[in-house]
Amino acid sequence: MDRFHEVEVFVAVAEAGSFAKAGARLRLSPPAVTRAVSALEERLGARVFNRTTRSVTITDVGRRFLESARRVLSDLETAEKEAIGETATPQGHLTITASVTFGRSALSPVVCGFLSRYPRVTASVLLLDRVVNLVEEGVDVAVRIGHLPDSGLIAKRIGAVRRVLVASPDYIARRGMPASPAELRLHSVIAFTGLMPNREWRFLNGQKQGSVSLGPIFEINDAASAIQAVEEGHGVTVALSYMVSDQVRRGKLVPILDAFALPPQPVHLVYPQARLVAPKVRAFIDFAAPRLKASLDQLTWTSAEDAKSGTSPTLR
């Protein structure tokens, strides 16, 4: 039996969760699906599915094999299209993901510009404050903020952002400016849970990293809402520099304890590793990387002094 056929059937069963549904999708009889999966298991020397009369569940071996299997099929499809010239021009549907606030502030205009340049491409943008499994969820490109774990993804660095503490001038006038991380315990903390999952603020004191546990008066899973509450004078919050750069420059927010801030976190465009990267993905990376870098350069500042003086922002 053809090995690529076995892989195609395996992926179809894994995605459908059913031999019968996979057969209908591939226009194969149930016995043909069973034979293909059995042949694959015999060649691998391990079961890829646990099956009963009522259910089909993927095994640990099958789960590990699934990502590679999808990549093999994608490479084959791309190679066939390139051979007949179908992919000389970027085309098809592109799915991109980023965090909610970054997507609103920087990604959306870049995607619109890309689609204007490449009219044969359509796009979906998923703004989610969680880490998306690109392969399992069918995503082509993601914007990732923070240090990347080892994975099978290809990453292109496009800049960096910092975690910053901010409050409104009115709040500082009423409650005073904290002089040390420990003094934050005396202040009203508004927590965006995506940046304060353990109710603590991490800081750098000289060469040593420390943390201070805080008791937020208000927690919310939406960064924009937390920032709005802080603008209205209700407390202090932790944000990424790009989220509040405009408010800081306009004097609506003031950086706090900037001297204790941790080093910048890198920002990358990431996409699944493949021997043949789809032209739509290559074109988007080439188009988006310099534009997103320029946006990030404009959406951060080096220090509180620079933010107040209005000098050109730079990354550190």
Protein backbone atom coordinates (compact mmCIF):
# COMPACT_ATOMS: atom_id res chain seq x y z
CA MET A 1 0.00 0.00 0.00
CA ASP A 2 1.23 3.50 -0.88
CA ARG A 3 2.88 5.10 2.17
CA PHE A 4 1.53 8.56 1.38
CA HIS A 5 -1.94 7.06 1.12
CA GLU A 6 -1.53 5.52 4.56
CA VAL A 7 -0.46 8.86 5.99
CA GLU A 8 -3.37 10.66 4.31
CA VAL A 9 -5.85 8.17 5.76
CA PHE A 10 -4.25 8.39 9.21
CA VAL A 11 -4.55 12.20 9.26
CA ALA A 12 -8.16 12.04 8.05
CA VAL A 13 -9.12 9.61 10.83
CA ALA A 14 -7.29 11.70 13.46
CA GLU A 15 -9.09 14.87 12.37
CA ALA A 16 -12.51 13.25 11.95
CA GLY A 17 -12.29 11.06 15.05
CA SER A 18 -13.99 8.30 13.08
CA PHE A 19 -13.05 5.69 10.48
CA ALA A 20 -16.43 6.07 8.76
CA LYS A 21 -16.23 9.88 8.57
CA ALA A 22 -12.65 9.71 7.27
CA GLY A 23 -13.76 7.22 4.62
CA ALA A 24 -16.58 9.52 3.52
CA ARG A 25 -14.19 12.46 3.32
CA LEU A 26 -11.67 10.48 1.23
CA ARG A 27 -14.32 8.51 -0.70
CA LEU A 28 -13.02 5.21 0.63
CA SER A 29 -14.90 2.26 2.00
CA PRO A 30 -14.58 1.51 5.75
CA PRO A 31 -12.55 -1.67 5.04
CA ALA A 32 -10.12 0.37 2.90
CA VAL A 33 -9.64 2.87 5.74
CA THR A 34 -9.04 0.04 8.21
CA ARG A 35 -6.49 -1.60 5.89
CA ALA A 36 -4.56 1.66 5.46
CA VAL A 37 -4.40 2.31 9.20
CA SER A 38 -3.42 -1.30 9.93
CA ALA A 39 -0.65 -1.15 7.33
CA LEU A 40 0.70 2.06 8.90
CA GLU A 41 0.61 0.52 12.39
CA GLU A 42 2.41 -2.58 11.15
CA ARG A 43 5.13 -0.47 9.56
CA LEU A 44 5.51 1.71 12.68
CA GLY A 45 5.34 -1.26 15.02
CA ALA A 46 2.84 0.53 17.26
CA ARG A 47 -0.86 1.37 17.42
CA VAL A 48 -1.83 4.89 16.36
CA PHE A 49 -5.48 4.59 17.42
CA ASN A 50 -7.34 2.87 20.22
CA ARG A 51 -10.67 1.79 18.75
CA THR A 52 -13.80 0.25 20.13
CA THR A 53 -17.20 -0.25 18.59
CA ARG A 54 -18.19 3.21 19.87
CA SER A 55 -15.11 5.41 19.72
CA VAL A 56 -11.71 6.06 18.15
CA THR A 57 -9.02 7.83 20.19
CA ILE A 58 -5.50 8.65 19.13
CA THR A 59 -2.62 7.06 21.09
CA ASP A 60 0.48 8.86 22.34
CA VAL A 61 2.42 7.40 19.40
CA GLY A 62 -0.26 8.62 17.00
CA ARG A 63 -0.26 12.08 18.56
CA ARG A 64 3.51 12.38 18.14
CA PHE A 65 3.28 11.18 14.55
CA LEU A 66 0.38 13.45 13.61
CA GLU A 67 2.33 16.73 13.35
CA SER A 68 4.97 15.15 11.10
CA ALA A 69 2.30 13.46 9.02
CA ARG A 70 0.49 16.74 8.41
CA ARG A 71 3.77 18.38 7.44
CA VAL A 72 4.56 15.58 4.97
CA LEU A 73 1.19 15.98 3.26
CA SER A 74 1.55 19.76 3.17
CA ASP A 75 5.02 19.47 1.62
CA LEU A 76 3.75 17.05 -1.01
CA GLU A 77 0.84 19.32 -1.92
CA THR A 78 3.11 22.36 -2.17
CA ALA A 79 5.66 20.47 -4.28
CA GLU A 80 2.98 19.32 -6.70
CA LYS A 81 1.58 22.83 -7.08
CA GLU A 82 5.04 24.33 -7.58
CA ALA A 83 5.80 21.71 -10.24
CA ILE A 84 2.86 22.87 -12.34
CA GLY A 85 3.35 26.54 -11.57
CA GLU A 86 0.23 27.02 -9.44
CA THR A 87 2.09 28.66 -6.58
CA ALA A 88 4.36 31.05 -8.46
CA THR A 89 2.14 33.83 -7.11
CA PRO A 90 1.04 33.82 -3.45
CA GLN A 91 -2.55 32.63 -3.26
CA GLY A 92 -4.96 30.80 -1.01
CA HIS A 93 -6.19 31.42 2.52
CA LEU A 94 -3.81 32.59 5.27
CA THR A 95 -4.62 32.24 8.97
CA ILE A 96 -2.72 34.47 11.42
CA THR A 97 -2.95 34.76 15.19
CA ALA A 98 -1.76 37.27 17.77
CA SER A 99 -2.74 38.55 21.19
CA VAL A 100 -5.86 40.72 21.28
CA THR A 101 -4.19 44.05 22.06
CA PHE A 102 -1.25 43.59 19.70
CA GLY A 103 -3.57 42.54 16.91
CA ARG A 104 -5.67 45.67 17.34
CA SER A 105 -2.75 48.06 17.61
CA ALA A 106 -0.29 46.72 15.05
CA LEU A 107 -1.29 43.60 13.13
CA SER A 108 -4.59 44.50 11.46
CA PRO A 109 -3.26 47.35 9.27
CA VAL A 110 -0.33 45.19 8.17
CA VAL A 111 -2.65 42.37 7.11
CA CYS A 112 -4.83 44.81 5.13
CA GLY A 113 -1.75 46.16 3.35
CA PHE A 114 -0.61 42.62 2.53
CA LEU A 115 -3.99 41.70 1.04
CA SER A 116 -3.93 44.83 -1.11
CA ARG A 117 -0.57 43.78 -2.53
CA TYR A 118 -1.55 40.12 -3.01
CA PRO A 119 -5.20 40.07 -4.16
CA ARG A 120 -5.20 36.28 -4.66
CA VAL A 121 -4.75 35.77 -0.91
CA THR A 122 -7.52 35.92 1.68
CA ALA A 123 -6.90 35.99 5.43
CA SER A 124 -8.37 35.21 8.83
CA VAL A 125 -6.92 36.88 11.92
CA LEU A 126 -7.50 35.21 15.29
CA LEU A 127 -6.90 37.54 18.24
CA LEU A 128 -6.48 35.32 21.29
CA ASP A 129 -4.74 35.82 24.62
CA ARG A 130 -3.46 32.25 24.69
CA VAL A 131 -0.77 30.23 22.96
CA VAL A 132 -2.21 28.56 19.87
CA ASN A 133 -0.97 25.20 18.60
CA LEU A 134 -0.36 26.20 15.00
CA VAL A 135 -0.44 22.72 13.51
CA GLU A 136 -3.44 21.39 15.41
CA GLU A 137 -5.50 24.55 14.90
CA GLY A 138 -4.56 25.13 11.27
CA VAL A 139 -2.76 28.45 11.78
CA ASP A 140 -0.12 29.56 9.28
CA VAL A 141 1.65 32.38 11.19
CA ALA A 142 1.60 33.63 14.78
CA VAL A 143 2.98 36.66 16.57
CA ARG A 144 4.60 35.44 19.80
CA ILE A 145 5.70 37.74 22.61
CA GLY A 146 8.25 36.32 25.05
CA HIS A 147 11.06 33.80 24.96
CA LEU A 148 10.23 30.83 22.76
CA PRO A 149 10.46 27.25 24.02
CA ASP A 150 12.20 24.67 21.87
CA SER A 151 9.75 23.58 19.20
CA GLY A 152 9.42 22.69 15.55
CA LEU A 153 8.55 26.29 14.67
CA ILE A 154 10.61 28.70 12.58
CA ALA A 155 10.95 32.11 14.21
CA LYS A 156 11.83 35.54 12.82
CA ARG A 157 12.51 38.22 15.43
CA ILE A 158 10.76 41.52 14.75
CA GLY A 159 11.48 43.49 17.92
CA ALA A 160 10.99 43.54 21.66
CA VAL A 161 8.63 44.89 24.32
CA ARG A 162 8.90 45.54 28.06
CA ARG A 163 6.63 44.86 31.00
CA VAL A 164 5.88 48.18 32.63
CA LEU A 165 3.96 49.46 35.64
CA VAL A 166 1.73 52.47 35.02
CA ALA A 167 -0.76 54.69 36.85
CA SER A 168 -2.56 57.94 36.10
CA PRO A 169 -1.08 61.29 37.22
CA ASP A 170 -4.22 61.84 39.30
CA TYR A 171 -3.73 58.55 41.15
CA ILE A 172 -0.06 59.35 41.82
CA ALA A 173 -1.02 62.80 43.12
CA ARG A 174 -3.47 61.19 45.57
CA ARG A 175 -1.52 58.11 46.63
CA GLY A 176 2.11 59.03 45.99
CA MET A 177 4.79 57.51 43.78
CA PRO A 178 6.10 54.15 45.08
CA ALA A 179 9.87 54.24 45.60
CA SER A 180 10.46 50.48 45.83
CA PRO A 181 8.74 47.27 44.73
CA ALA A 182 7.72 46.54 48.34
CA GLU A 183 5.71 49.79 48.43
CA LEU A 184 3.38 48.41 45.74
CA ARG A 185 1.64 46.49 48.51
CA LEU A 186 0.35 49.85 49.75
CA HIS A 187 -1.30 50.63 46.40
CA SER A 188 -4.48 49.60 44.59
CA VAL A 189 -3.48 47.05 41.96
CA ILE A 190 -5.60 46.33 38.91
CA ALA A 191 -4.49 43.06 37.34
CA PHE A 192 -4.72 41.94 33.74
CA THR A 193 -4.58 38.19 34.42
CA GLY A 194 -2.61 37.51 31.25
CA LEU A 195 0.37 39.36 32.76
CA MET A 196 -0.21 38.65 36.46
CA PRO A 197 -1.36 35.01 36.60
CA ASN A 198 0.18 34.46 40.05
CA ARG A 199 -0.72 37.86 41.48
CA GLU A 200 2.90 38.94 41.60
CA TRP A 201 5.15 41.48 39.93
CA ARG A 202 8.64 40.41 38.93
CA PHE A 203 11.42 42.98 38.91
CA LEU A 204 15.17 43.42 38.58
CA ASN A 205 17.15 44.98 41.41
CA GLY A 206 20.67 45.44 40.11
CA GLN A 207 21.65 42.00 38.82
CA LYS A 208 19.18 40.11 40.97
CA GLN A 209 15.63 39.22 39.97
CA GLY A 210 12.93 39.40 42.60
CA SER A 211 9.18 39.36 42.94
CA VAL A 212 6.56 40.96 45.16
CA SER A 213 3.20 39.33 45.88
CA LEU A 214 0.25 41.64 45.39
CA GLY A 215 -3.43 41.55 46.27
CA PRO A 216 -5.32 43.11 43.35
CA ILE A 217 -8.51 45.01 44.12
CA PHE A 218 -9.72 44.15 40.60
CA GLU A 219 -8.75 41.36 38.20
CA ILE A 220 -9.84 41.07 34.58
CA ASN A 221 -8.81 38.97 31.58
CA ASP A 222 -8.90 41.91 29.15
CA ALA A 223 -5.88 44.21 28.96
CA ALA A 224 -7.76 47.18 27.49
CA SER A 225 -10.26 47.16 30.35
CA ALA A 226 -7.52 47.06 32.98
CA ILE A 227 -5.71 49.96 31.30
CA GLN A 228 -8.92 51.97 31.06
CA ALA A 229 -9.54 51.52 34.80
CA VAL A 230 -6.02 52.77 35.49
CA GLU A 231 -6.50 55.78 33.20
CA GLU A 232 -9.56 56.65 35.26
CA GLY A 233 -7.41 56.78 38.38
CA HIS A 234 -8.44 53.56 40.09
CA GLY A 235 -4.98 52.05 40.59
CA VAL A 236 -1.77 50.63 39.16
CA THR A 237 -1.44 47.95 36.50
CA VAL A 238 1.18 45.89 34.67
CA ALA A 239 1.15 46.22 30.88
CA LEU A 240 3.39 45.58 27.92
CA SER A 241 4.99 48.75 26.66
CA TYR A 242 3.18 48.78 23.30
CA MET A 243 -0.19 48.65 25.08
CA VAL A 244 0.29 51.98 26.86
CA SER A 245 2.85 53.90 24.81
CA ASP A 246 0.30 56.35 23.42
CA GLN A 247 -1.17 57.09 26.86
CA VAL A 248 2.30 57.62 28.34
CA ARG A 249 3.30 60.03 25.57
CA ARG A 250 0.07 62.00 26.02
CA GLY A 251 0.59 62.17 29.77
CA LYS A 252 -2.50 60.13 30.60
CA LEU A 253 -0.36 57.43 32.24
CA VAL A 254 2.94 57.62 34.12
CA PRO A 255 5.56 54.81 34.28
CA ILE A 256 6.25 53.57 37.81
CA LEU A 257 9.42 51.89 39.14
CA ASP A 258 10.87 51.90 35.62
CA ALA A 259 14.39 51.41 37.05
CA PHE A 260 13.29 47.98 38.31
CA ALA A 261 11.84 46.77 35.00
CA LEU A 262 12.91 43.39 33.65
CA PRO A 263 14.86 43.19 30.37
CA PRO A 264 12.81 43.42 27.16
CA GLN A 265 10.96 40.38 25.87
CA PRO A 266 11.50 39.41 22.23
CA VAL A 267 8.69 39.43 19.69
CA HIS A 268 8.75 36.89 16.84
CA LEU A 269 6.77 35.86 13.83
CA VAL A 270 6.59 32.06 13.96
CA TYR A 271 5.36 29.46 11.52
CA PRO A 272 5.53 25.65 11.25
CA GLN A 273 8.72 24.15 9.93
CA ALA A 274 8.44 22.54 6.50
CA ARG A 275 10.83 21.67 3.71
CA LEU A 276 8.69 23.73 1.35
CA VAL A 277 7.12 26.83 2.88
CA ALA A 278 3.96 27.93 1.08
CA PRO A 279 4.52 31.09 -0.99
CA LYS A 280 1.67 32.87 0.81
CA VAL A 281 3.51 32.33 4.13
CA ARG A 282 6.89 33.40 2.73
CA ALA A 283 5.32 36.50 1.19
CA PHE A 284 3.55 37.44 4.42
CA ILE A 285 6.68 37.05 6.54
CA ASP A 286 8.69 39.19 4.11
CA PHE A 287 5.95 41.84 3.98
CA ALA A 288 4.99 41.91 7.65
CA ALA A 289 8.36 41.64 9.42
CA PRO A 290 9.75 45.13 8.61
CA ARG A 291 6.36 46.79 9.10
CA LEU A 292 5.69 45.17 12.46
CA LYS A 293 9.23 46.01 13.55
CA ALA A 294 8.61 49.66 12.66
CA SER A 295 5.35 49.59 14.65
CA LEU A 296 7.10 48.11 17.68
CA ASP A 297 9.84 50.71 17.46
CA GLN A 298 7.15 53.39 17.70
CA LEU A 299 5.21 51.64 20.48
CA THR A 300 7.86 51.55 23.20
CA TRP A 301 10.25 53.84 25.00
CA THR A 302 13.65 53.52 26.61
CA SER A 303 12.84 55.11 29.96
CA ALA A 304 10.34 57.20 31.83
CA GLU A 305 12.45 60.27 31.10
CA ASP A 306 12.28 59.64 27.36
CA ALA A 307 8.53 59.07 27.55
CA LYS A 308 8.03 62.39 29.33
CA SER A 309 10.36 64.35 27.07
CA GLY A 310 8.83 63.02 23.84
CA THR A 311 12.18 61.91 22.37
CA SER A 312 12.20 59.21 19.72
CA PRO A 313 11.59 55.82 21.30
CA THR A 314 14.22 53.11 21.11
CA LEU A 315 14.34 49.52 22.23
CA ARG A 316 16.72 48.46 24.92
